[in-house]
Amino acid sequence: MAHAAIELYETLKEAGVSDEKARTAAEAIENIQDNKRFCQIESELYGLKSDVAELKSELKIVKWMSAFILAANMAIFWMLIKMAMAHGG
């Protein structure tokens, strides 16, 4: 049990509540805390998914830029070869 659930259980026992009812209440509190943690994790996961989607779109741009630069370099290299051949190289 989590700390808050244990405290609730012990307080209810001291107040004279039966063991079964105190345990049920403590478990309910623990489930609520687990649900909050699940919601936090789910929220963080959604944020990570959007970050990954953004990175994927940026990666596409980088790929296109790299392809363009490679094509431009190949064109320059081809022009240099043609110039060298024209000058008797």
C-alpha atoms as a PDB file:
ATOM      1  CA  MET A   1       0.000   0.000   0.000  1.00  0.00           C
ATOM      2  CA  ALA A   2       1.036   3.558  -0.641  1.00  0.00           C
ATOM      3  CA  HIS A   3       1.820   5.889   2.255  1.00  0.00           C
ATOM      4  CA  ALA A   4      -1.533   7.736   2.125  1.00  0.00           C
ATOM      5  CA  ALA A   5      -3.448   4.446   1.952  1.00  0.00           C
ATOM      6  CA  ILE A   6      -1.597   3.097   4.986  1.00  0.00           C
ATOM      7  CA  GLU A   7      -2.301   6.277   6.948  1.00  0.00           C
ATOM      8  CA  LEU A   8      -5.985   6.095   6.054  1.00  0.00           C
ATOM      9  CA  TYR A   9      -6.141   2.428   7.040  1.00  0.00           C
ATOM     10  CA  GLU A  10      -4.489   3.078  10.402  1.00  0.00           C
ATOM     11  CA  THR A  11      -6.695   6.118  11.098  1.00  0.00           C
ATOM     12  CA  LEU A  12      -9.857   4.205  10.289  1.00  0.00           C
ATOM     13  CA  LYS A  13      -8.749   1.297  12.503  1.00  0.00           C
ATOM     14  CA  GLU A  14      -8.089   3.709  15.384  1.00  0.00           C
ATOM     15  CA  ALA A  15     -11.568   5.188  14.831  1.00  0.00           C
ATOM     16  CA  GLY A  16     -13.088   1.751  15.308  1.00  0.00           C
ATOM     17  CA  VAL A  17     -13.867   0.853  11.707  1.00  0.00           C
ATOM     18  CA  SER A  18     -13.761  -2.848  10.907  1.00  0.00           C
ATOM     19  CA  ASP A  19     -10.632  -4.254   9.284  1.00  0.00           C
ATOM     20  CA  GLU A  20     -12.470  -5.121   6.081  1.00  0.00           C
ATOM     21  CA  LYS A  21     -13.970  -1.645   5.653  1.00  0.00           C
ATOM     22  CA  ALA A  22     -10.686   0.088   6.509  1.00  0.00           C
ATOM     23  CA  ARG A  23      -8.811  -2.078   4.024  1.00  0.00           C
ATOM     24  CA  THR A  24     -11.445  -1.450   1.316  1.00  0.00           C
ATOM     25  CA  ALA A  25     -11.226   2.324   1.849  1.00  0.00           C
ATOM     26  CA  ALA A  26      -7.421   2.225   1.787  1.00  0.00           C
ATOM     27  CA  GLU A  27      -7.432   0.192  -1.437  1.00  0.00           C
ATOM     28  CA  ALA A  28      -9.868   2.674  -2.990  1.00  0.00           C
ATOM     29  CA  ILE A  29      -7.504   5.540  -2.140  1.00  0.00           C
ATOM     30  CA  GLU A  30      -4.612   3.575  -3.598  1.00  0.00           C
ATOM     31  CA  ASN A  31      -6.583   2.959  -6.809  1.00  0.00           C
ATOM     32  CA  ILE A  32      -7.322   6.670  -7.107  1.00  0.00           C
ATOM     33  CA  GLN A  33      -3.613   7.458  -6.721  1.00  0.00           C
ATOM     34  CA  ASP A  34      -2.734   4.791  -9.305  1.00  0.00           C
ATOM     35  CA  ASN A  35      -5.282   6.296 -11.703  1.00  0.00           C
ATOM     36  CA  LYS A  36      -3.719   9.760 -11.264  1.00  0.00           C
ATOM     37  CA  ARG A  37      -0.293   8.277 -11.998  1.00  0.00           C
ATOM     38  CA  PHE A  38      -1.708   6.545 -15.071  1.00  0.00           C
ATOM     39  CA  CYS A  39      -3.173   9.830 -16.311  1.00  0.00           C
ATOM     40  CA  GLN A  40       0.177  11.572 -15.791  1.00  0.00           C
ATOM     41  CA  ILE A  41       2.007   8.833 -17.679  1.00  0.00           C
ATOM     42  CA  GLU A  42      -0.584   8.943 -20.451  1.00  0.00           C
ATOM     43  CA  SER A  43      -0.182  12.717 -20.714  1.00  0.00           C
ATOM     44  CA  GLU A  44       3.611  12.421 -20.900  1.00  0.00           C
ATOM     45  CA  LEU A  45       3.301   9.701 -23.529  1.00  0.00           C
ATOM     46  CA  TYR A  46       1.065  11.935 -25.648  1.00  0.00           C
ATOM     47  CA  GLY A  47       3.687  14.684 -25.379  1.00  0.00           C
ATOM     48  CA  LEU A  48       6.408  12.289 -26.463  1.00  0.00           C
ATOM     49  CA  LYS A  49       4.311  11.143 -29.426  1.00  0.00           C
ATOM     50  CA  SER A  50       3.888  14.718 -30.618  1.00  0.00           C
ATOM     51  CA  ASP A  51       7.634  15.330 -30.187  1.00  0.00           C
ATOM     52  CA  VAL A  52       8.413  12.234 -32.275  1.00  0.00           C
ATOM     53  CA  ALA A  53       5.979  13.363 -34.985  1.00  0.00           C
ATOM     54  CA  GLU A  54       7.664  16.773 -35.070  1.00  0.00           C
ATOM     55  CA  LEU A  55      11.101  15.171 -35.338  1.00  0.00           C
ATOM     56  CA  LYS A  56       9.905  12.957 -38.190  1.00  0.00           C
ATOM     57  CA  SER A  57       8.692  15.957 -40.156  1.00  0.00           C
ATOM     58  CA  GLU A  58      11.963  17.792 -39.540  1.00  0.00           C
ATOM     59  CA  LEU A  59      13.895  14.707 -40.618  1.00  0.00           C
ATOM     60  CA  LYS A  60      12.012  14.692 -43.933  1.00  0.00           C
ATOM     61  CA  ILE A  61      13.135  18.267 -44.542  1.00  0.00           C
ATOM     62  CA  VAL A  62      16.740  17.358 -43.720  1.00  0.00           C
ATOM     63  CA  LYS A  63      16.574  14.412 -46.131  1.00  0.00           C
ATOM     64  CA  TRP A  64      15.310  16.636 -48.943  1.00  0.00           C
ATOM     65  CA  MET A  65      17.978  19.241 -48.217  1.00  0.00           C
ATOM     66  CA  SER A  66      20.692  16.570 -48.228  1.00  0.00           C
ATOM     67  CA  ALA A  67      19.451  15.169 -51.538  1.00  0.00           C
ATOM     68  CA  PHE A  68      19.417  18.654 -53.072  1.00  0.00           C
ATOM     69  CA  ILE A  69      22.955  19.377 -51.864  1.00  0.00           C
ATOM     70  CA  LEU A  70      24.167  16.019 -53.187  1.00  0.00           C
ATOM     71  CA  ALA A  71      22.576  16.698 -56.584  1.00  0.00           C
ATOM     72  CA  ALA A  72      24.104  20.190 -56.707  1.00  0.00           C
ATOM     73  CA  ASN A  73      27.545  18.824 -55.827  1.00  0.00           C
ATOM     74  CA  MET A  74      27.251  16.131 -58.489  1.00  0.00           C
ATOM     75  CA  ALA A  75      26.266  18.772 -61.074  1.00  0.00           C
ATOM     76  CA  ILE A  76      29.278  20.931 -60.132  1.00  0.00           C
ATOM     77  CA  PHE A  77      31.566  17.907 -60.261  1.00  0.00           C
ATOM     78  CA  TRP A  78      30.180  16.960 -63.679  1.00  0.00           C
ATOM     79  CA  MET A  79      30.733  20.530 -64.950  1.00  0.00           C
ATOM     80  CA  LEU A  80      34.331  20.462 -63.668  1.00  0.00           C
ATOM     81  CA  ILE A  81      34.959  17.174 -65.457  1.00  0.00           C
ATOM     82  CA  LYS A  82      33.496  18.595 -68.697  1.00  0.00           C
ATOM     83  CA  MET A  83      35.662  21.714 -68.373  1.00  0.00           C
ATOM     84  CA  ALA A  84      38.777  19.638 -67.729  1.00  0.00           C
ATOM     85  CA  MET A  85      38.045  17.454 -70.769  1.00  0.00           C
ATOM     86  CA  ALA A  86      37.411  20.508 -72.939  1.00  0.00           C
ATOM     87  CA  HIS A  87      40.774  22.008 -72.003  1.00  0.00           C
ATOM     88  CA  GLY A  88      42.627  18.823 -72.830  1.00  0.00           C
ATOM     89  CA  GLY A  89      42.789  17.466 -69.338  1.00  0.00           C
END
